[in-house]
């Protein structure tokens, strides 16, 4: 994190940095506006698909794999972000997995021996 007042002062001194910051902020505003449109106009499946595609594009743009990545959001986080319940987000991801569209890592066993009841 950079304190805003320091970034602002640096941008006044380095015009190319100011242009880059404005470009990044503009892109973020456009992305967030698009996200708001998703919440109002798309079905649950379309919202989840759009989220996954958006993350994929952003990772690919940064040089990472577009098809294989770790989604750090919980299903509850996804539901909250997309304006739906945890259950709807969970069902949608499960349906995508059943249809062969995605492979969702469902469980990581942290202590296998402790599960031996």
PDB file of N, CA and C in Angstrom:
ATOM      1  N   UNK A   1       0.833  -1.176   0.000  1.00  0.00           N
ATOM      2  CA  UNK A   1       0.000   0.000   0.000  1.00  0.00           C
ATOM      3  C   UNK A   1       0.875   1.235   0.000  1.00  0.00           C
ATOM      4  N   UNK A   2       0.414   2.212  -0.763  1.00  0.00           N
ATOM      5  CA  UNK A   2       1.104   3.495  -0.818  1.00  0.00           C
ATOM      6  C   UNK A   2       0.142   4.546  -0.283  1.00  0.00           C
ATOM      7  N   UNK A   3       0.566   5.325   0.697  1.00  0.00           N
ATOM      8  CA  UNK A   3      -0.313   6.397   1.171  1.00  0.00           C
ATOM      9  C   UNK A   3      -0.691   7.320   0.012  1.00  0.00           C
ATOM     10  N   UNK A   4      -1.960   7.682  -0.057  1.00  0.00           N
ATOM     11  CA  UNK A   4      -2.458   8.460  -1.186  1.00  0.00           C
ATOM     12  C   UNK A   4      -1.705   9.775  -1.365  1.00  0.00           C
ATOM     13  N   UNK A   5      -1.414  10.461  -0.278  1.00  0.00           N
ATOM     14  CA  UNK A   5      -0.742  11.757  -0.408  1.00  0.00           C
ATOM     15  C   UNK A   5       0.653  11.608  -1.033  1.00  0.00           C
ATOM     16  N   UNK A   6       1.336  10.497  -0.776  1.00  0.00           N
ATOM     17  CA  UNK A   6       2.646  10.263  -1.399  1.00  0.00           C
ATOM     18  C   UNK A   6       2.501   9.934  -2.875  1.00  0.00           C
ATOM     19  N   UNK A   7       1.505   9.125  -3.198  1.00  0.00           N
ATOM     20  CA  UNK A   7       1.246   8.802  -4.608  1.00  0.00           C
ATOM     21  C   UNK A   7       0.881  10.064  -5.374  1.00  0.00           C
ATOM     22  N   UNK A   8       0.052  10.877  -4.780  1.00  0.00           N
ATOM     23  CA  UNK A   8      -0.380  12.118  -5.417  1.00  0.00           C
ATOM     24  C   UNK A   8       0.816  13.033  -5.684  1.00  0.00           C
ATOM     25  N   UNK A   9       1.699  13.172  -4.712  1.00  0.00           N
ATOM     26  CA  UNK A   9       2.886  14.018  -4.878  1.00  0.00           C
ATOM     27  C   UNK A   9       3.795  13.461  -5.972  1.00  0.00           C
ATOM     28  N   UNK A  10       3.954  12.155  -5.996  1.00  0.00           N
ATOM     29  CA  UNK A  10       4.796  11.531  -7.014  1.00  0.00           C
ATOM     30  C   UNK A  10       4.193  11.706  -8.406  1.00  0.00           C
ATOM     31  N   UNK A  11       2.889  11.604  -8.497  1.00  0.00           N
ATOM     32  CA  UNK A  11       2.219  11.780  -9.792  1.00  0.00           C
ATOM     33  C   UNK A  11       2.378  13.208 -10.314  1.00  0.00           C
ATOM     34  N   UNK A  12       2.426  14.190  -9.423  1.00  0.00           N
ATOM     35  CA  UNK A  12       2.648  15.572  -9.854  1.00  0.00           C
ATOM     36  C   UNK A  12       4.039  15.745 -10.449  1.00  0.00           C
ATOM     37  N   UNK A  13       4.991  14.979  -9.929  1.00  0.00           N
ATOM     38  CA  UNK A  13       6.367  15.086 -10.405  1.00  0.00           C
ATOM     39  C   UNK A  13       6.604  14.262 -11.669  1.00  0.00           C
ATOM     40  N   UNK A  14       5.972  13.112 -11.771  1.00  0.00           N
ATOM     41  CA  UNK A  14       6.205  12.204 -12.895  1.00  0.00           C
ATOM     42  C   UNK A  14       4.897  12.074 -13.682  1.00  0.00           C
ATOM     43  N   UNK A  15       4.784  12.833 -14.756  1.00  0.00           N
ATOM     44  CA  UNK A  15       3.532  12.871 -15.526  1.00  0.00           C
ATOM     45  C   UNK A  15       3.177  11.513 -16.127  1.00  0.00           C
ATOM     46  N   UNK A  16       4.174  10.733 -16.532  1.00  0.00           N
ATOM     47  CA  UNK A  16       3.869   9.415 -17.102  1.00  0.00           C
ATOM     48  C   UNK A  16       3.260   8.500 -16.046  1.00  0.00           C
ATOM     49  N   UNK A  17       3.684   8.640 -14.799  1.00  0.00           N
ATOM     50  CA  UNK A  17       3.094   7.872 -13.709  1.00  0.00           C
ATOM     51  C   UNK A  17       1.653   8.310 -13.484  1.00  0.00           C
ATOM     52  N   UNK A  18       1.406   9.603 -13.537  1.00  0.00           N
ATOM     53  CA  UNK A  18       0.055  10.125 -13.371  1.00  0.00           C
ATOM     54  C   UNK A  18      -0.863   9.553 -14.457  1.00  0.00           C
ATOM     55  N   UNK A  19      -0.394   9.511 -15.692  1.00  0.00           N
ATOM     56  CA  UNK A  19      -1.193   8.959 -16.785  1.00  0.00           C
ATOM     57  C   UNK A  19      -1.471   7.478 -16.556  1.00  0.00           C
ATOM     58  N   UNK A  20      -0.467   6.761 -16.090  1.00  0.00           N
ATOM     59  CA  UNK A  20      -0.637   5.324 -15.834  1.00  0.00           C
ATOM     60  C   UNK A  20      -1.642   5.090 -14.704  1.00  0.00           C
ATOM     61  N   UNK A  21      -1.555   5.862 -13.641  1.00  0.00           N
ATOM     62  CA  UNK A  21      -2.499   5.727 -12.520  1.00  0.00           C
ATOM     63  C   UNK A  21      -3.911   6.044 -12.986  1.00  0.00           C
ATOM     64  N   UNK A  22      -4.061   7.090 -13.778  1.00  0.00           N
ATOM     65  CA  UNK A  22      -5.392   7.435 -14.302  1.00  0.00           C
ATOM     66  C   UNK A  22      -5.937   6.317 -15.185  1.00  0.00           C
ATOM     67  N   UNK A  23      -5.086   5.730 -15.995  1.00  0.00           N
ATOM     68  CA  UNK A  23      -5.512   4.627 -16.865  1.00  0.00           C
ATOM     69  C   UNK A  23      -5.964   3.428 -16.029  1.00  0.00           C
ATOM     70  N   UNK A  24      -5.193   3.093 -14.977  1.00  0.00           N
ATOM     71  CA  UNK A  24      -5.556   1.971 -14.112  1.00  0.00           C
ATOM     72  C   UNK A  24      -6.868   2.239 -13.387  1.00  0.00           C
ATOM     73  N   UNK A  25      -7.035   3.445 -12.882  1.00  0.00           N
ATOM     74  CA  UNK A  25      -8.259   3.787 -12.160  1.00  0.00           C
ATOM     75  C   UNK A  25      -9.468   3.763 -13.099  1.00  0.00           C
ATOM     76  N   UNK A  26      -9.282   4.242 -14.304  1.00  0.00           N
ATOM     77  CA  UNK A  26     -10.358   4.234 -15.288  1.00  0.00           C
ATOM     78  C   UNK A  26     -10.776   2.806 -15.626  1.00  0.00           C
ATOM     79  N   UNK A  27      -9.806   1.941 -15.808  1.00  0.00           N
ATOM     80  CA  UNK A  27     -10.101   0.536 -16.115  1.00  0.00           C
ATOM     81  C   UNK A  27     -10.841  -0.121 -14.956  1.00  0.00           C
ATOM     82  N   UNK A  28     -10.475   0.217 -13.736  1.00  0.00           N
ATOM     83  CA  UNK A  28     -11.141  -0.349 -12.567  1.00  0.00           C
ATOM     84  C   UNK A  28     -12.579   0.151 -12.470  1.00  0.00           C
ATOM     85  N   UNK A  29     -12.804   1.404 -12.779  1.00  0.00           N
ATOM     86  CA  UNK A  29     -14.161   1.947 -12.769  1.00  0.00           C
ATOM     87  C   UNK A  29     -15.020   1.251 -13.811  1.00  0.00           C
ATOM     88  N   UNK A  30     -14.479   1.040 -14.997  1.00  0.00           N
ATOM     89  CA  UNK A  30     -15.204   0.339 -16.059  1.00  0.00           C
ATOM     90  C   UNK A  30     -15.508  -1.093 -15.624  1.00  0.00           C
ATOM     91  N   UNK A  31     -14.540  -1.769 -15.021  1.00  0.00           N
ATOM     92  CA  UNK A  31     -14.747  -3.142 -14.565  1.00  0.00           C
ATOM     93  C   UNK A  31     -15.824  -3.206 -13.492  1.00  0.00           C
ATOM     94  N   UNK A  32     -15.781  -2.298 -12.538  1.00  0.00           N
ATOM     95  CA  UNK A  32     -16.781  -2.285 -11.472  1.00  0.00           C
ATOM     96  C   UNK A  32     -18.170  -1.953 -12.010  1.00  0.00           C
ATOM     97  N   UNK A  33     -18.238  -1.057 -12.983  1.00  0.00           N
ATOM     98  CA  UNK A  33     -19.532  -0.735 -13.599  1.00  0.00           C
ATOM     99  C   UNK A  33     -20.091  -1.964 -14.294  1.00  0.00           C
ATOM    100  N   UNK A  34     -19.237  -2.676 -14.986  1.00  0.00           N
ATOM    101  CA  UNK A  34     -19.657  -3.923 -15.623  1.00  0.00           C
ATOM    102  C   UNK A  34     -20.142  -4.932 -14.603  1.00  0.00           C
ATOM    103  N   UNK A  35     -19.478  -4.987 -13.467  1.00  0.00           N
ATOM    104  CA  UNK A  35     -19.874  -5.909 -12.401  1.00  0.00           C
ATOM    105  C   UNK A  35     -21.259  -5.555 -11.880  1.00  0.00           C
ATOM    106  N   UNK A  36     -21.539  -4.286 -11.719  1.00  0.00           N
ATOM    107  CA  UNK A  36     -22.858  -3.853 -11.256  1.00  0.00           C
ATOM    108  C   UNK A  36     -23.936  -4.234 -12.264  1.00  0.00           C
ATOM    109  N   UNK A  37     -23.618  -4.152 -13.540  1.00  0.00           N
ATOM    110  CA  UNK A  37     -24.578  -4.554 -14.575  1.00  0.00           C
ATOM    111  C   UNK A  37     -24.858  -6.051 -14.473  1.00  0.00           C
ATOM    112  N   UNK A  38     -23.845  -6.835 -14.141  1.00  0.00           N
ATOM    113  CA  UNK A  38     -24.028  -8.276 -13.993  1.00  0.00           C
ATOM    114  C   UNK A  38     -25.037  -8.600 -12.905  1.00  0.00           C
ATOM    115  N   UNK A  39     -24.943  -7.879 -11.811  1.00  0.00           N
ATOM    116  CA  UNK A  39     -25.807  -8.174 -10.680  1.00  0.00           C
ATOM    117  C   UNK A  39     -27.274  -7.977 -11.025  1.00  0.00           C
ATOM    118  N   UNK A  40     -27.562  -7.047 -11.881  1.00  0.00           N
ATOM    119  CA  UNK A  40     -28.949  -6.750 -12.186  1.00  0.00           C
ATOM    120  C   UNK A  40     -29.519  -7.468 -13.385  1.00  0.00           C
ATOM    121  N   UNK A  41     -28.688  -7.885 -14.312  1.00  0.00           N
ATOM    122  CA  UNK A  41     -29.204  -8.341 -15.593  1.00  0.00           C
ATOM    123  C   UNK A  41     -28.965  -9.814 -15.920  1.00  0.00           C
ATOM    124  N   UNK A  42     -28.175 -10.521 -15.156  1.00  0.00           N
ATOM    125  CA  UNK A  42     -27.833 -11.888 -15.520  1.00  0.00           C
ATOM    126  C   UNK A  42     -28.374 -12.893 -14.507  1.00  0.00           C
ATOM    127  N   UNK A  43     -28.559 -14.117 -14.981  1.00  0.00           N
ATOM    128  CA  UNK A  43     -28.963 -15.205 -14.090  1.00  0.00           C
ATOM    129  C   UNK A  43     -27.779 -15.591 -13.209  1.00  0.00           C
ATOM    130  N   UNK A  44     -28.034 -16.424 -12.220  1.00  0.00           N
ATOM    131  CA  UNK A  44     -26.965 -16.878 -11.314  1.00  0.00           C
ATOM    132  C   UNK A  44     -25.862 -17.574 -12.101  1.00  0.00           C
ATOM    133  N   UNK A  45     -26.233 -18.464 -13.017  1.00  0.00           N
ATOM    134  CA  UNK A  45     -25.221 -19.166 -13.810  1.00  0.00           C
ATOM    135  C   UNK A  45     -24.396 -18.191 -14.635  1.00  0.00           C
ATOM    136  N   UNK A  46     -25.053 -17.210 -15.221  1.00  0.00           N
ATOM    137  CA  UNK A  46     -24.340 -16.228 -16.034  1.00  0.00           C
ATOM    138  C   UNK A  46     -23.404 -15.381 -15.175  1.00  0.00           C
ATOM    139  N   UNK A  47     -23.834 -15.055 -13.963  1.00  0.00           N
ATOM    140  CA  UNK A  47     -22.988 -14.267 -13.061  1.00  0.00           C
ATOM    141  C   UNK A  47     -21.724 -15.033 -12.687  1.00  0.00           C
ATOM    142  N   UNK A  48     -21.882 -16.297 -12.305  1.00  0.00           N
ATOM    143  CA  UNK A  48     -20.720 -17.105 -11.912  1.00  0.00           C
ATOM    144  C   UNK A  48     -19.794 -17.302 -13.107  1.00  0.00           C
ATOM    145  N   UNK A  49     -20.371 -17.587 -14.266  1.00  0.00           N
ATOM    146  CA  UNK A  49     -19.555 -17.771 -15.474  1.00  0.00           C
ATOM    147  C   UNK A  49     -18.792 -16.490 -15.800  1.00  0.00           C
ATOM    148  N   UNK A  50     -19.457 -15.350 -15.695  1.00  0.00           N
ATOM    149  CA  UNK A  50     -18.801 -14.073 -15.986  1.00  0.00           C
ATOM    150  C   UNK A  50     -17.671 -13.800 -14.998  1.00  0.00           C
ATOM    151  N   UNK A  51     -17.894 -14.130 -13.729  1.00  0.00           N
ATOM    152  CA  UNK A  51     -16.838 -13.946 -12.724  1.00  0.00           C
ATOM    153  C   UNK A  51     -15.620 -14.793 -13.076  1.00  0.00           C
ATOM    154  N   UNK A  52     -15.846 -16.061 -13.390  1.00  0.00           N
ATOM    155  CA  UNK A  52     -14.731 -16.950 -13.726  1.00  0.00           C
ATOM    156  C   UNK A  52     -14.006 -16.474 -14.989  1.00  0.00           C
ATOM    157  N   UNK A  53     -14.763 -16.022 -15.976  1.00  0.00           N
ATOM    158  CA  UNK A  53     -14.139 -15.515 -17.202  1.00  0.00           C
ATOM    159  C   UNK A  53     -13.342 -14.247 -16.928  1.00  0.00           C
ATOM    160  N   UNK A  54     -13.874 -13.382 -16.076  1.00  0.00           N
ATOM    161  CA  UNK A  54     -13.186 -12.145 -15.732  1.00  0.00           C
ATOM    162  C   UNK A  54     -11.863 -12.434 -15.025  1.00  0.00           C
ATOM    163  N   UNK A  55     -11.894 -13.330 -14.073  1.00  0.00           N
ATOM    164  CA  UNK A  55     -10.662 -13.698 -13.365  1.00  0.00           C
ATOM    165  C   UNK A  55      -9.667 -14.316 -14.334  1.00  0.00           C
ATOM    166  N   UNK A  56     -10.158 -15.174 -15.204  1.00  0.00           N
ATOM    167  CA  UNK A  56      -9.306 -15.813 -16.200  1.00  0.00           C
ATOM    168  C   UNK A  56      -8.615 -14.786 -17.089  1.00  0.00           C
ATOM    169  N   UNK A  57      -9.373 -13.838 -17.604  1.00  0.00           N
ATOM    170  CA  UNK A  57      -8.799 -12.789 -18.469  1.00  0.00           C
ATOM    171  C   UNK A  57      -7.764 -11.953 -17.729  1.00  0.00           C
ATOM    172  N   UNK A  58      -8.070 -11.604 -16.481  1.00  0.00           N
ATOM    173  CA  UNK A  58      -7.145 -10.773 -15.718  1.00  0.00           C
ATOM    174  C   UNK A  58      -5.847 -11.514 -15.426  1.00  0.00           C
ATOM    175  N   UNK A  59      -5.940 -12.800 -15.109  1.00  0.00           N
ATOM    176  CA  UNK A  59      -4.730 -13.586 -14.868  1.00  0.00           C
ATOM    177  C   UNK A  59      -3.926 -13.757 -16.150  1.00  0.00           C
ATOM    178  N   UNK A  60      -4.618 -14.033 -17.250  1.00  0.00           N
ATOM    179  CA  UNK A  60      -3.928 -14.194 -18.533  1.00  0.00           C
ATOM    180  C   UNK A  60      -3.209 -12.901 -18.919  1.00  0.00           C
ATOM    181  N   UNK A  61      -3.859 -11.781 -18.684  1.00  0.00           N
ATOM    182  CA  UNK A  61      -3.253 -10.484 -18.979  1.00  0.00           C
ATOM    183  C   UNK A  61      -1.962 -10.273 -18.192  1.00  0.00           C
ATOM    184  N   UNK A  62      -1.881 -10.886 -17.012  1.00  0.00           N
ATOM    185  CA  UNK A  62      -0.688 -10.764 -16.169  1.00  0.00           C
ATOM    186  C   UNK A  62       0.341 -11.864 -16.443  1.00  0.00           C
ATOM    187  N   UNK A  63       0.059 -12.709 -17.435  1.00  0.00           N
ATOM    188  CA  UNK A  63       1.021 -13.731 -17.818  1.00  0.00           C
ATOM    189  C   UNK A  63       0.818 -15.087 -17.171  1.00  0.00           C
ATOM    190  N   UNK A  64      -0.286 -15.259 -16.460  1.00  0.00           N
ATOM    191  CA  UNK A  64      -0.584 -16.533 -15.812  1.00  0.00           C
ATOM    192  C   UNK A  64      -1.523 -17.356 -16.685  1.00  0.00           C
ATOM    193  N   UNK A  65      -1.740 -18.598 -16.299  1.00  0.00           N
ATOM    194  CA  UNK A  65      -2.649 -19.473 -17.029  1.00  0.00           C
ATOM    195  C   UNK A  65      -4.075 -18.934 -16.972  1.00  0.00           C
ATOM    196  N   UNK A  66      -4.743 -18.989 -18.117  1.00  0.00           N
ATOM    197  CA  UNK A  66      -6.142 -18.547 -18.190  1.00  0.00           C
ATOM    198  C   UNK A  66      -7.097 -19.665 -17.796  1.00  0.00           C
ATOM    199  N   UNK A  67      -6.595 -20.891 -17.761  1.00  0.00           N
ATOM    200  CA  UNK A  67      -7.493 -22.024 -17.537  1.00  0.00           C
ATOM    201  C   UNK A  67      -7.255 -22.768 -16.238  1.00  0.00           C
ATOM    202  N   UNK A  68      -6.134 -22.558 -15.598  1.00  0.00           N
ATOM    203  CA  UNK A  68      -5.821 -23.288 -14.375  1.00  0.00           C
ATOM    204  C   UNK A  68      -5.322 -22.305 -13.319  1.00  0.00           C
ATOM    205  N   UNK A  69      -6.170 -22.060 -12.330  1.00  0.00           N
ATOM    206  CA  UNK A  69      -5.803 -21.125 -11.274  1.00  0.00           C
ATOM    207  C   UNK A  69      -6.529 -21.502  -9.998  1.00  0.00           C
ATOM    208  N   UNK A  70      -6.021 -21.008  -8.898  1.00  0.00           N
ATOM    209  CA  UNK A  70      -6.638 -21.242  -7.600  1.00  0.00           C
ATOM    210  C   UNK A  70      -7.568 -20.082  -7.300  1.00  0.00           C
ATOM    211  N   UNK A  71      -8.829 -20.411  -7.110  1.00  0.00           N
ATOM    212  CA  UNK A  71      -9.809 -19.400  -6.759  1.00  0.00           C
ATOM    213  C   UNK A  71      -9.790 -19.250  -5.244  1.00  0.00           C
ATOM    214  N   UNK A  72      -9.295 -18.150  -4.767  1.00  0.00           N
ATOM    215  CA  UNK A  72      -9.106 -17.946  -3.332  1.00  0.00           C
ATOM    216  C   UNK A  72     -10.395 -17.535  -2.616  1.00  0.00           C
ATOM    217  N   UNK A  73     -11.445 -17.298  -3.369  1.00  0.00           N
ATOM    218  CA  UNK A  73     -12.720 -16.913  -2.774  1.00  0.00           C
ATOM    219  C   UNK A  73     -13.477 -18.162  -2.322  1.00  0.00           C
ATOM    220  N   UNK A  74     -14.102 -18.081  -1.171  1.00  0.00           N
ATOM    221  CA  UNK A  74     -14.982 -19.169  -0.749  1.00  0.00           C
ATOM    222  C   UNK A  74     -16.282 -19.050  -1.532  1.00  0.00           C
ATOM    223  N   UNK A  75     -17.086 -20.080  -1.478  1.00  0.00           N
ATOM    224  CA  UNK A  75     -18.381 -20.004  -2.148  1.00  0.00           C
ATOM    225  C   UNK A  75     -19.253 -18.932  -1.514  1.00  0.00           C
ATOM    226  N   UNK A  76     -19.089 -18.733  -0.231  1.00  0.00           N
ATOM    227  CA  UNK A  76     -19.822 -17.662   0.443  1.00  0.00           C
ATOM    228  C   UNK A  76     -19.374 -16.304  -0.081  1.00  0.00           C
ATOM    229  N   UNK A  77     -18.059 -16.132  -0.265  1.00  0.00           N
ATOM    230  CA  UNK A  77     -17.531 -14.887  -0.822  1.00  0.00           C
ATOM    231  C   UNK A  77     -18.056 -14.651  -2.233  1.00  0.00           C
ATOM    232  N   UNK A  78     -18.080 -15.710  -3.028  1.00  0.00           N
ATOM    233  CA  UNK A  78     -18.583 -15.602  -4.401  1.00  0.00           C
ATOM    234  C   UNK A  78     -20.041 -15.166  -4.385  1.00  0.00           C
ATOM    235  N   UNK A  79     -20.836 -15.826  -3.549  1.00  0.00           N
ATOM    236  CA  UNK A  79     -22.241 -15.468  -3.457  1.00  0.00           C
ATOM    237  C   UNK A  79     -22.430 -14.019  -3.041  1.00  0.00           C
ATOM    238  N   UNK A  80     -21.702 -13.599  -2.036  1.00  0.00           N
ATOM    239  CA  UNK A  80     -21.805 -12.227  -1.556  1.00  0.00           C
ATOM    240  C   UNK A  80     -21.395 -11.234  -2.637  1.00  0.00           C
ATOM    241  N   UNK A  81     -20.311 -11.522  -3.318  1.00  0.00           N
ATOM    242  CA  UNK A  81     -19.800 -10.639  -4.371  1.00  0.00           C
ATOM    243  C   UNK A  81     -20.780 -10.522  -5.526  1.00  0.00           C
ATOM    244  N   UNK A  82     -21.441 -11.632  -5.846  1.00  0.00           N
ATOM    245  CA  UNK A  82     -22.357 -11.652  -6.991  1.00  0.00           C
ATOM    246  C   UNK A  82     -23.813 -11.395  -6.618  1.00  0.00           C
ATOM    247  N   UNK A  83     -24.074 -11.142  -5.358  1.00  0.00           N
ATOM    248  CA  UNK A  83     -25.430 -10.835  -4.943  1.00  0.00           C
ATOM    249  C   UNK A  83     -26.353 -12.035  -4.938  1.00  0.00           C
ATOM    250  N   UNK A  84     -25.837 -13.170  -4.485  1.00  0.00           N
ATOM    251  CA  UNK A  84     -26.652 -14.382  -4.393  1.00  0.00           C
ATOM    252  C   UNK A  84     -26.301 -15.103  -3.103  1.00  0.00           C
ATOM    253  N   UNK A  85     -27.085 -16.098  -2.766  1.00  0.00           N
ATOM    254  CA  UNK A  85     -26.826 -16.838  -1.532  1.00  0.00           C
ATOM    255  C   UNK A  85     -25.661 -17.803  -1.718  1.00  0.00           C
ATOM    256  N   UNK A  86     -25.110 -18.227  -0.600  1.00  0.00           N
ATOM    257  CA  UNK A  86     -24.073 -19.251  -0.595  1.00  0.00           C
ATOM    258  C   UNK A  86     -24.560 -20.498  -1.316  1.00  0.00           C
ATOM    259  N   UNK A  87     -25.796 -20.895  -1.040  1.00  0.00           N
ATOM    260  CA  UNK A  87     -26.357 -22.115  -1.638  1.00  0.00           C
ATOM    261  C   UNK A  87     -26.436 -22.003  -3.157  1.00  0.00           C
ATOM    262  N   UNK A  88     -26.848 -20.847  -3.659  1.00  0.00           N
ATOM    263  CA  UNK A  88     -26.950 -20.654  -5.109  1.00  0.00           C
ATOM    264  C   UNK A  88     -25.573 -20.707  -5.754  1.00  0.00           C
ATOM    265  N   UNK A  89     -24.601 -20.060  -5.144  1.00  0.00           N
ATOM    266  CA  UNK A  89     -23.234 -20.090  -5.676  1.00  0.00           C
ATOM    267  C   UNK A  89     -22.705 -21.516  -5.665  1.00  0.00           C
ATOM    268  N   UNK A  90     -22.945 -22.242  -4.594  1.00  0.00           N
ATOM    269  CA  UNK A  90     -22.481 -23.619  -4.467  1.00  0.00           C
ATOM    270  C   UNK A  90     -23.133 -24.517  -5.514  1.00  0.00           C
ATOM    271  N   UNK A  91     -24.459 -24.398  -5.648  1.00  0.00           N
ATOM    272  CA  UNK A  91     -25.174 -25.214  -6.646  1.00  0.00           C
ATOM    273  C   UNK A  91     -24.691 -24.911  -8.061  1.00  0.00           C
ATOM    274  N   UNK A  92     -24.451 -23.655  -8.337  1.00  0.00           N
ATOM    275  CA  UNK A  92     -24.016 -23.262  -9.673  1.00  0.00           C
ATOM    276  C   UNK A  92     -22.639 -23.834  -9.985  1.00  0.00           C
ATOM    277  N   UNK A  93     -21.708 -23.715  -9.052  1.00  0.00           N
ATOM    278  CA  UNK A  93     -20.379 -24.287  -9.275  1.00  0.00           C
ATOM    279  C   UNK A  93     -20.448 -25.806  -9.403  1.00  0.00           C
ATOM    280  N   UNK A  94     -21.280 -26.444  -8.598  1.00  0.00           N
ATOM    281  CA  UNK A  94     -21.444 -27.901  -8.688  1.00  0.00           C
ATOM    282  C   UNK A  94     -22.015 -28.293 -10.047  1.00  0.00           C
ATOM    283  N   UNK A  95     -22.982 -27.528 -10.534  1.00  0.00           N
ATOM    284  CA  UNK A  95     -23.570 -27.800 -11.848  1.00  0.00           C
ATOM    285  C   UNK A  95     -22.522 -27.642 -12.945  1.00  0.00           C
ATOM    286  N   UNK A  96     -21.710 -26.597 -12.855  1.00  0.00           N
ATOM    287  CA  UNK A  96     -20.638 -26.401 -13.838  1.00  0.00           C
ATOM    288  C   UNK A  96     -19.675 -27.581 -13.820  1.00  0.00           C
ATOM    289  N   UNK A  97     -19.390 -28.094 -12.633  1.00  0.00           N
ATOM    290  CA  UNK A  97     -18.479 -29.236 -12.523  1.00  0.00           C
ATOM    291  C   UNK A  97     -19.119 -30.483 -13.118  1.00  0.00           C
ATOM    292  N   UNK A  98     -20.387 -30.723 -12.819  1.00  0.00           N
ATOM    293  CA  UNK A  98     -21.091 -31.892 -13.358  1.00  0.00           C
ATOM    294  C   UNK A  98     -21.163 -31.850 -14.879  1.00  0.00           C
ATOM    295  N   UNK A  99     -21.280 -30.651 -15.432  1.00  0.00           N
ATOM    296  CA  UNK A  99     -21.355 -30.487 -16.885  1.00  0.00           C
ATOM    297  C   UNK A  99     -19.986 -30.508 -17.550  1.00  0.00           C
ATOM    298  N   UNK A 100     -18.932 -30.643 -16.753  1.00  0.00           N
ATOM    299  CA  UNK A 100     -17.579 -30.712 -17.298  1.00  0.00           C
ATOM    300  C   UNK A 100     -17.017 -29.372 -17.724  1.00  0.00           C
ATOM    301  N   UNK A 101     -17.574 -28.290 -17.198  1.00  0.00           N
ATOM    302  CA  UNK A 101     -17.095 -26.957 -17.559  1.00  0.00           C
ATOM    303  C   UNK A 101     -15.920 -26.515 -16.702  1.00  0.00           C
ATOM    304  N   UNK A 102     -15.906 -26.952 -15.448  1.00  0.00           N
ATOM    305  CA  UNK A 102     -14.836 -26.592 -14.518  1.00  0.00           C
ATOM    306  C   UNK A 102     -14.507 -27.807 -13.660  1.00  0.00           C
ATOM    307  N   UNK A 103     -13.351 -27.767 -13.057  1.00  0.00           N
ATOM    308  CA  UNK A 103     -13.009 -28.756 -12.029  1.00  0.00           C
ATOM    309  C   UNK A 103     -12.748 -27.960 -10.760  1.00  0.00           C
ATOM    310  N   UNK A 104     -13.545 -28.215  -9.754  1.00  0.00           N
ATOM    311  CA  UNK A 104     -13.468 -27.467  -8.509  1.00  0.00           C
ATOM    312  C   UNK A 104     -12.786 -28.332  -7.470  1.00  0.00           C
ATOM    313  N   UNK A 105     -11.733 -27.789  -6.870  1.00  0.00           N
ATOM    314  CA  UNK A 105     -11.097 -28.498  -5.756  1.00  0.00           C
ATOM    315  C   UNK A 105     -12.046 -28.377  -4.581  1.00  0.00           C
ATOM    316  N   UNK A 106     -12.562 -29.506  -4.130  1.00  0.00           N
ATOM    317  CA  UNK A 106     -13.612 -29.453  -3.133  1.00  0.00           C
ATOM    318  C   UNK A 106     -13.092 -29.577  -1.709  1.00  0.00           C
ATOM    319  N   UNK A 107     -12.135 -30.445  -1.484  1.00  0.00           N
ATOM    320  CA  UNK A 107     -11.686 -30.678  -0.116  1.00  0.00           C
ATOM    321  C   UNK A 107     -10.172 -30.824  -0.100  1.00  0.00           C
ATOM    322  N   UNK A 108      -9.551 -30.215   0.869  1.00  0.00           N
ATOM    323  CA  UNK A 108      -8.140 -30.450   1.142  1.00  0.00           C
ATOM    324  C   UNK A 108      -8.074 -31.035   2.543  1.00  0.00           C
ATOM    325  N   UNK A 109      -7.583 -32.244   2.656  1.00  0.00           N
ATOM    326  CA  UNK A 109      -7.479 -32.892   3.953  1.00  0.00           C
ATOM    327  C   UNK A 109      -6.221 -32.426   4.657  1.00  0.00           C
ATOM    328  N   UNK A 110      -6.405 -31.724   5.735  1.00  0.00           N
ATOM    329  CA  UNK A 110      -5.276 -31.158   6.460  1.00  0.00           C
ATOM    330  C   UNK A 110      -4.705 -32.090   7.503  1.00  0.00           C
ATOM    331  N   UNK A 111      -5.533 -32.996   8.036  1.00  0.00           N
ATOM    332  CA  UNK A 111      -5.079 -33.947   9.029  1.00  0.00           C
ATOM    333  C   UNK A 111      -5.839 -35.257   8.806  1.00  0.00           C
ATOM    334  N   UNK A 112      -5.338 -36.052   7.892  1.00  0.00           N
ATOM    335  CA  UNK A 112      -5.992 -37.294   7.500  1.00  0.00           C
ATOM    336  C   UNK A 112      -6.105 -38.265   8.672  1.00  0.00           C
ATOM    337  N   UNK A 113      -5.074 -38.338   9.484  1.00  0.00           N
ATOM    338  CA  UNK A 113      -5.093 -39.263  10.604  1.00  0.00           C
ATOM    339  C   UNK A 113      -6.183 -38.925  11.635  1.00  0.00           C
ATOM    340  N   UNK A 114      -6.419 -37.655  11.842  1.00  0.00           N
ATOM    341  CA  UNK A 114      -7.442 -37.222  12.798  1.00  0.00           C
ATOM    342  C   UNK A 114      -8.835 -37.602  12.313  1.00  0.00           C
ATOM    343  N   UNK A 115      -8.988 -37.831  11.027  1.00  0.00           N
ATOM    344  CA  UNK A 115     -10.291 -38.216  10.484  1.00  0.00           C
ATOM    345  C   UNK A 115     -10.575 -39.716  10.670  1.00  0.00           C
ATOM    346  N   UNK A 116      -9.583 -40.456  11.061  1.00  0.00           N
ATOM    347  CA  UNK A 116      -9.743 -41.895  11.249  1.00  0.00           C
ATOM    348  C   UNK A 116     -10.437 -42.139  12.598  1.00  0.00           C
ATOM    349  N   UNK A 117     -11.746 -42.070  12.560  1.00  0.00           N
ATOM    350  CA  UNK A 117     -12.538 -42.159  13.809  1.00  0.00           C
ATOM    351  C   UNK A 117     -12.801 -43.561  14.153  1.00  0.00           C
TER     352      UNK A 117
END
